[in-house]
Amino acid sequence: MSSLERANAMHYRNTGTTQQDNVVLRSELPASFRYVSGSTNVSTPLTDNKWEKAGDGITEDGLNLGSYAPDGGAYVKFTAVLPGADDVDCGLTSTTTTALARTANGTKSVESVILVEKKCG
């Protein structure tokens, strides 16, 4: 059995006019993908915009990235694998993933398409 690895990246930006406190980012992976433990890194003003290791909650309850003034933002990256790569059809397969940003003022989400290409013979 083989697996395919996929890097995931998320960006949060406060596009409103008021500060957003307790910003939580969460990723909903497709059922066929699995999060790689220890792979999450964040880049925020608190890390001097350098990548630093973060906890593993990005695909569970989410990661609390703190507070952001208007136009402020943060980046998160992590790795997920497709464990059953042998079971994927040859050619291009697509699935969707959802990224969510939650604050005291509500939740916003965006869907992305994941394309997996398996080259056969």
N, C-alpha and C. Protein backbone atom coordinates (compact mmCIF):
# COMPACT_ATOMS: atom_id res chain seq x y z
N MET A 1 0.85 -1.18 0.00
CA MET A 1 0.00 0.00 0.00
C MET A 1 0.89 1.24 0.00
N SER A 2 0.55 2.21 -0.80
CA SER A 2 1.31 3.46 -0.84
C SER A 2 0.41 4.62 -0.41
N SER A 3 1.04 5.77 -0.16
CA SER A 3 0.27 6.95 0.21
C SER A 3 0.81 8.15 -0.54
N LEU A 4 -0.05 9.15 -0.70
CA LEU A 4 0.33 10.41 -1.30
C LEU A 4 0.28 11.48 -0.23
N GLU A 5 1.31 12.35 -0.17
CA GLU A 5 1.35 13.44 0.79
C GLU A 5 0.93 14.71 0.11
N ARG A 6 0.25 15.58 0.86
CA ARG A 6 -0.20 16.85 0.32
C ARG A 6 0.04 17.94 1.35
N ALA A 7 0.69 19.01 0.95
CA ALA A 7 0.88 20.18 1.82
C ALA A 7 -0.38 21.03 1.72
N ASN A 8 -0.82 21.56 2.84
CA ASN A 8 -2.01 22.40 2.90
C ASN A 8 -1.62 23.75 3.48
N ALA A 9 -2.19 24.82 2.95
CA ALA A 9 -1.90 26.15 3.46
C ALA A 9 -3.21 26.92 3.60
N MET A 10 -3.29 27.70 4.67
CA MET A 10 -4.46 28.53 4.92
C MET A 10 -3.98 29.93 5.28
N HIS A 11 -4.75 30.93 4.87
CA HIS A 11 -4.43 32.31 5.20
C HIS A 11 -5.68 32.96 5.78
N TYR A 12 -5.52 33.62 6.92
CA TYR A 12 -6.60 34.40 7.52
C TYR A 12 -6.23 35.86 7.42
N ARG A 13 -7.20 36.69 7.02
CA ARG A 13 -7.01 38.14 7.02
C ARG A 13 -8.28 38.79 7.51
N ASN A 14 -8.16 39.67 8.47
CA ASN A 14 -9.31 40.41 8.98
C ASN A 14 -9.67 41.47 7.95
N THR A 15 -10.73 41.23 7.20
CA THR A 15 -11.17 42.16 6.16
C THR A 15 -12.21 43.15 6.68
N GLY A 16 -12.53 43.06 7.97
CA GLY A 16 -13.53 43.96 8.57
C GLY A 16 -12.92 45.25 9.05
N THR A 17 -13.72 45.99 9.83
CA THR A 17 -13.29 47.29 10.33
C THR A 17 -13.07 47.30 11.84
N THR A 18 -13.26 46.15 12.51
CA THR A 18 -13.04 46.05 13.95
C THR A 18 -12.09 44.90 14.24
N GLN A 19 -11.44 44.96 15.40
CA GLN A 19 -10.54 43.89 15.79
C GLN A 19 -11.31 42.60 15.99
N GLN A 20 -10.72 41.48 15.57
CA GLN A 20 -11.30 40.16 15.78
C GLN A 20 -10.44 39.44 16.81
N ASP A 21 -11.07 39.03 17.90
CA ASP A 21 -10.36 38.34 18.98
C ASP A 21 -10.62 36.84 18.91
N ASN A 22 -9.66 36.07 19.44
CA ASN A 22 -9.79 34.61 19.49
C ASN A 22 -10.14 34.02 18.12
N VAL A 23 -9.35 34.37 17.13
CA VAL A 23 -9.55 33.85 15.77
C VAL A 23 -9.11 32.39 15.75
N VAL A 24 -10.03 31.52 15.38
CA VAL A 24 -9.76 30.09 15.32
C VAL A 24 -9.86 29.63 13.87
N LEU A 25 -8.79 29.01 13.38
CA LEU A 25 -8.79 28.42 12.03
C LEU A 25 -8.91 26.91 12.15
N ARG A 26 -9.72 26.33 11.26
CA ARG A 26 -9.91 24.88 11.25
C ARG A 26 -10.02 24.41 9.81
N SER A 27 -9.51 23.23 9.55
CA SER A 27 -9.58 22.63 8.23
C SER A 27 -10.40 21.35 8.30
N GLU A 28 -11.36 21.21 7.41
CA GLU A 28 -12.14 19.98 7.29
C GLU A 28 -11.59 19.21 6.09
N LEU A 29 -10.81 18.20 6.37
CA LEU A 29 -10.24 17.38 5.29
C LEU A 29 -11.26 16.40 4.76
N PRO A 30 -11.14 16.02 3.49
CA PRO A 30 -11.99 14.95 2.98
C PRO A 30 -11.76 13.68 3.78
N ALA A 31 -12.77 12.83 3.87
CA ALA A 31 -12.69 11.61 4.68
C ALA A 31 -11.50 10.73 4.31
N SER A 32 -11.08 10.76 3.06
CA SER A 32 -9.99 9.88 2.62
C SER A 32 -8.60 10.38 3.05
N PHE A 33 -8.48 11.64 3.48
CA PHE A 33 -7.19 12.20 3.89
C PHE A 33 -7.02 12.11 5.40
N ARG A 34 -5.77 12.02 5.84
CA ARG A 34 -5.43 11.98 7.27
C ARG A 34 -4.38 13.04 7.56
N TYR A 35 -4.59 13.78 8.64
CA TYR A 35 -3.65 14.79 9.10
C TYR A 35 -2.36 14.10 9.59
N VAL A 36 -1.20 14.69 9.28
CA VAL A 36 0.09 14.18 9.75
C VAL A 36 0.43 14.89 11.06
N SER A 37 0.45 14.12 12.15
CA SER A 37 0.72 14.66 13.48
C SER A 37 2.06 15.41 13.50
N GLY A 38 2.04 16.58 14.13
CA GLY A 38 3.25 17.38 14.28
C GLY A 38 3.63 18.21 13.07
N SER A 39 2.76 18.27 12.06
CA SER A 39 3.13 18.96 10.82
C SER A 39 2.65 20.41 10.73
N THR A 40 1.89 20.88 11.72
CA THR A 40 1.33 22.24 11.64
C THR A 40 2.35 23.29 12.04
N ASN A 41 2.44 24.34 11.23
CA ASN A 41 3.27 25.51 11.49
C ASN A 41 2.42 26.75 11.27
N VAL A 42 2.72 27.82 12.04
CA VAL A 42 2.01 29.09 11.88
C VAL A 42 3.01 30.21 11.65
N SER A 43 2.54 31.23 10.96
CA SER A 43 3.31 32.45 10.75
C SER A 43 2.36 33.61 11.06
N THR A 44 2.66 34.36 12.14
CA THR A 44 1.81 35.46 12.58
C THR A 44 2.69 36.63 13.02
N PRO A 45 2.10 37.79 13.29
CA PRO A 45 2.90 38.88 13.85
C PRO A 45 3.57 38.48 15.17
N LEU A 46 2.94 37.59 15.94
CA LEU A 46 3.53 37.15 17.21
C LEU A 46 4.77 36.30 17.02
N THR A 47 4.92 35.69 15.83
CA THR A 47 6.11 34.89 15.53
C THR A 47 7.08 35.67 14.64
N ASP A 48 6.90 36.99 14.59
CA ASP A 48 7.68 37.86 13.69
C ASP A 48 7.55 37.39 12.24
N ASN A 49 6.37 36.85 11.92
CA ASN A 49 6.06 36.36 10.57
C ASN A 49 7.01 35.26 10.10
N LYS A 50 7.60 34.55 11.06
CA LYS A 50 8.42 33.38 10.76
C LYS A 50 7.61 32.14 11.09
N TRP A 51 7.90 31.04 10.41
CA TRP A 51 7.17 29.80 10.65
C TRP A 51 7.61 29.18 11.97
N GLU A 52 6.62 28.82 12.80
CA GLU A 52 6.86 28.14 14.07
C GLU A 52 5.90 26.98 14.21
N LYS A 53 6.36 25.92 14.87
CA LYS A 53 5.51 24.75 15.13
C LYS A 53 4.30 25.16 15.95
N ALA A 54 3.17 24.50 15.68
CA ALA A 54 1.93 24.75 16.41
C ALA A 54 1.33 23.42 16.83
N GLY A 55 0.28 23.47 17.58
CA GLY A 55 -0.40 22.25 18.02
C GLY A 55 -1.06 21.52 16.87
N ASP A 56 -1.63 20.37 17.20
CA ASP A 56 -2.23 19.50 16.20
C ASP A 56 -3.74 19.65 16.04
N GLY A 57 -4.35 20.71 16.52
CA GLY A 57 -5.80 20.83 16.50
C GLY A 57 -6.43 21.35 15.22
N ILE A 58 -5.64 21.61 14.18
CA ILE A 58 -6.16 22.27 12.97
C ILE A 58 -7.33 21.50 12.33
N THR A 59 -7.34 20.19 12.41
CA THR A 59 -8.43 19.41 11.79
C THR A 59 -9.45 18.94 12.82
N GLU A 60 -9.29 19.36 14.07
CA GLU A 60 -10.24 18.98 15.11
C GLU A 60 -11.03 20.20 15.54
N ASP A 61 -10.68 20.80 16.69
CA ASP A 61 -11.38 22.00 17.17
C ASP A 61 -10.86 23.27 16.52
N GLY A 62 -9.70 23.19 15.87
CA GLY A 62 -9.08 24.35 15.25
C GLY A 62 -7.97 24.92 16.13
N LEU A 63 -7.23 25.87 15.57
CA LEU A 63 -6.14 26.54 16.29
C LEU A 63 -6.54 27.98 16.58
N ASN A 64 -6.41 28.40 17.85
CA ASN A 64 -6.67 29.78 18.21
C ASN A 64 -5.41 30.58 17.89
N LEU A 65 -5.53 31.48 16.93
CA LEU A 65 -4.37 32.26 16.47
C LEU A 65 -4.29 33.64 17.10
N GLY A 66 -5.19 33.96 18.04
CA GLY A 66 -5.12 35.23 18.73
C GLY A 66 -6.03 36.29 18.15
N SER A 67 -5.60 37.55 18.27
CA SER A 67 -6.41 38.71 17.87
C SER A 67 -5.76 39.43 16.69
N TYR A 68 -6.63 40.00 15.83
CA TYR A 68 -6.14 40.67 14.63
C TYR A 68 -6.92 41.95 14.38
N ALA A 69 -6.18 43.05 14.25
CA ALA A 69 -6.75 44.33 13.88
C ALA A 69 -7.18 44.26 12.41
N PRO A 70 -7.98 45.22 11.94
CA PRO A 70 -8.33 45.23 10.52
C PRO A 70 -7.08 45.14 9.65
N ASP A 71 -7.14 44.31 8.65
CA ASP A 71 -6.08 44.04 7.69
C ASP A 71 -4.97 43.14 8.25
N GLY A 72 -5.04 42.76 9.53
CA GLY A 72 -4.06 41.85 10.11
C GLY A 72 -4.36 40.42 9.68
N GLY A 73 -3.36 39.56 9.77
CA GLY A 73 -3.60 38.19 9.34
C GLY A 73 -2.54 37.22 9.79
N ALA A 74 -2.78 35.95 9.43
CA ALA A 74 -1.88 34.86 9.82
C ALA A 74 -1.93 33.77 8.75
N TYR A 75 -0.88 32.95 8.74
CA TYR A 75 -0.80 31.81 7.83
C TYR A 75 -0.63 30.53 8.64
N VAL A 76 -1.21 29.46 8.13
CA VAL A 76 -1.07 28.14 8.73
C VAL A 76 -0.75 27.16 7.62
N LYS A 77 0.18 26.24 7.87
CA LYS A 77 0.44 25.17 6.90
C LYS A 77 0.58 23.85 7.64
N PHE A 78 0.16 22.78 6.98
CA PHE A 78 0.25 21.45 7.57
C PHE A 78 0.24 20.42 6.44
N THR A 79 0.51 19.17 6.80
CA THR A 79 0.56 18.10 5.82
C THR A 79 -0.55 17.09 6.10
N ALA A 80 -1.13 16.59 5.03
CA ALA A 80 -2.12 15.51 5.10
C ALA A 80 -1.70 14.44 4.10
N VAL A 81 -2.09 13.21 4.37
CA VAL A 81 -1.77 12.11 3.46
C VAL A 81 -3.05 11.45 3.00
N LEU A 82 -2.95 10.85 1.84
CA LEU A 82 -4.01 10.02 1.28
C LEU A 82 -3.51 8.59 1.41
N PRO A 83 -3.86 7.90 2.52
CA PRO A 83 -3.27 6.59 2.80
C PRO A 83 -3.55 5.53 1.75
N GLY A 84 -4.71 5.53 1.17
CA GLY A 84 -5.08 4.49 0.22
C GLY A 84 -4.81 4.88 -1.21
N ALA A 85 -3.62 5.42 -1.49
CA ALA A 85 -3.31 5.88 -2.85
C ALA A 85 -3.44 4.77 -3.87
N ASP A 86 -3.21 3.52 -3.46
CA ASP A 86 -3.36 2.40 -4.39
C ASP A 86 -4.79 2.24 -4.86
N ASP A 87 -5.73 2.73 -4.05
CA ASP A 87 -7.15 2.60 -4.37
C ASP A 87 -7.68 3.72 -5.26
N VAL A 88 -6.86 4.73 -5.52
CA VAL A 88 -7.27 5.86 -6.35
C VAL A 88 -7.19 5.45 -7.81
N ASP A 89 -8.19 5.85 -8.59
CA ASP A 89 -8.19 5.55 -10.02
C ASP A 89 -7.04 6.27 -10.72
N CYS A 90 -6.58 5.69 -11.81
CA CYS A 90 -5.56 6.34 -12.64
C CYS A 90 -6.16 7.62 -13.21
N GLY A 91 -5.30 8.61 -13.39
CA GLY A 91 -5.76 9.90 -13.92
C GLY A 91 -5.98 10.89 -12.80
N LEU A 92 -6.85 11.86 -13.07
CA LEU A 92 -7.10 12.96 -12.15
C LEU A 92 -8.37 12.69 -11.35
N THR A 93 -8.26 12.79 -10.02
CA THR A 93 -9.40 12.65 -9.12
C THR A 93 -9.53 13.94 -8.34
N SER A 94 -10.75 14.42 -8.15
CA SER A 94 -10.93 15.65 -7.38
C SER A 94 -11.83 15.40 -6.18
N THR A 95 -11.57 16.17 -5.12
CA THR A 95 -12.38 16.16 -3.91
C THR A 95 -12.30 17.57 -3.35
N THR A 96 -13.09 17.88 -2.34
CA THR A 96 -13.08 19.23 -1.77
C THR A 96 -12.68 19.20 -0.31
N THR A 97 -12.13 20.31 0.13
CA THR A 97 -11.78 20.54 1.53
C THR A 97 -12.35 21.90 1.92
N THR A 98 -12.62 22.09 3.19
CA THR A 98 -13.19 23.34 3.66
C THR A 98 -12.30 23.94 4.75
N ALA A 99 -12.04 25.24 4.63
CA ALA A 99 -11.31 25.99 5.64
C ALA A 99 -12.30 26.91 6.33
N LEU A 100 -12.24 26.96 7.67
CA LEU A 100 -13.15 27.79 8.45
C LEU A 100 -12.39 28.74 9.35
N ALA A 101 -12.86 29.98 9.44
CA ALA A 101 -12.33 30.97 10.38
C ALA A 101 -13.48 31.34 11.31
N ARG A 102 -13.26 31.17 12.62
CA ARG A 102 -14.30 31.44 13.61
C ARG A 102 -13.84 32.54 14.55
N THR A 103 -14.71 33.53 14.77
CA THR A 103 -14.46 34.59 15.74
C THR A 103 -15.73 34.77 16.56
N ALA A 104 -15.70 35.68 17.52
CA ALA A 104 -16.90 35.97 18.30
C ALA A 104 -18.00 36.57 17.42
N ASN A 105 -17.62 37.09 16.27
CA ASN A 105 -18.59 37.72 15.37
C ASN A 105 -19.14 36.77 14.31
N GLY A 106 -18.75 35.49 14.38
CA GLY A 106 -19.30 34.53 13.42
C GLY A 106 -18.22 33.68 12.78
N THR A 107 -18.66 32.86 11.84
CA THR A 107 -17.78 31.93 11.14
C THR A 107 -17.89 32.15 9.64
N LYS A 108 -16.76 32.11 8.98
CA LYS A 108 -16.73 32.15 7.51
C LYS A 108 -16.00 30.92 7.04
N SER A 109 -16.40 30.43 5.88
CA SER A 109 -15.73 29.24 5.34
C SER A 109 -15.53 29.40 3.84
N VAL A 110 -14.58 28.62 3.34
CA VAL A 110 -14.30 28.60 1.91
C VAL A 110 -13.95 27.16 1.54
N GLU A 111 -14.46 26.72 0.41
CA GLU A 111 -14.14 25.38 -0.09
C GLU A 111 -13.04 25.47 -1.13
N SER A 112 -12.17 24.47 -1.14
CA SER A 112 -11.12 24.36 -2.14
C SER A 112 -11.19 22.98 -2.77
N VAL A 113 -10.76 22.91 -4.00
CA VAL A 113 -10.71 21.63 -4.70
C VAL A 113 -9.32 21.04 -4.56
N ILE A 114 -9.25 19.77 -4.22
CA ILE A 114 -7.98 19.04 -4.17
C ILE A 114 -7.95 18.13 -5.39
N LEU A 115 -6.92 18.27 -6.19
CA LEU A 115 -6.74 17.39 -7.35
C LEU A 115 -5.61 16.41 -7.06
N VAL A 116 -5.89 15.14 -7.24
CA VAL A 116 -4.89 14.09 -7.05
C VAL A 116 -4.69 13.42 -8.40
N GLU A 117 -3.45 13.42 -8.88
CA GLU A 117 -3.16 12.78 -10.16
C GLU A 117 -2.34 11.52 -9.91
N LYS A 118 -2.87 10.41 -10.37
CA LYS A 118 -2.16 9.14 -10.28
C LYS A 118 -1.79 8.72 -11.69
N LYS A 119 -0.49 8.62 -11.92
CA LYS A 119 0.00 8.20 -13.24
C LYS A 119 0.17 6.69 -13.23
N CYS A 120 -0.42 6.07 -14.19
CA CYS A 120 -0.35 4.61 -14.30
C CYS A 120 0.22 4.24 -15.67
N GLY A 121 1.03 3.20 -15.63
CA GLY A 121 1.59 2.57 -16.83
C GLY A 121 1.86 3.47 -17.91
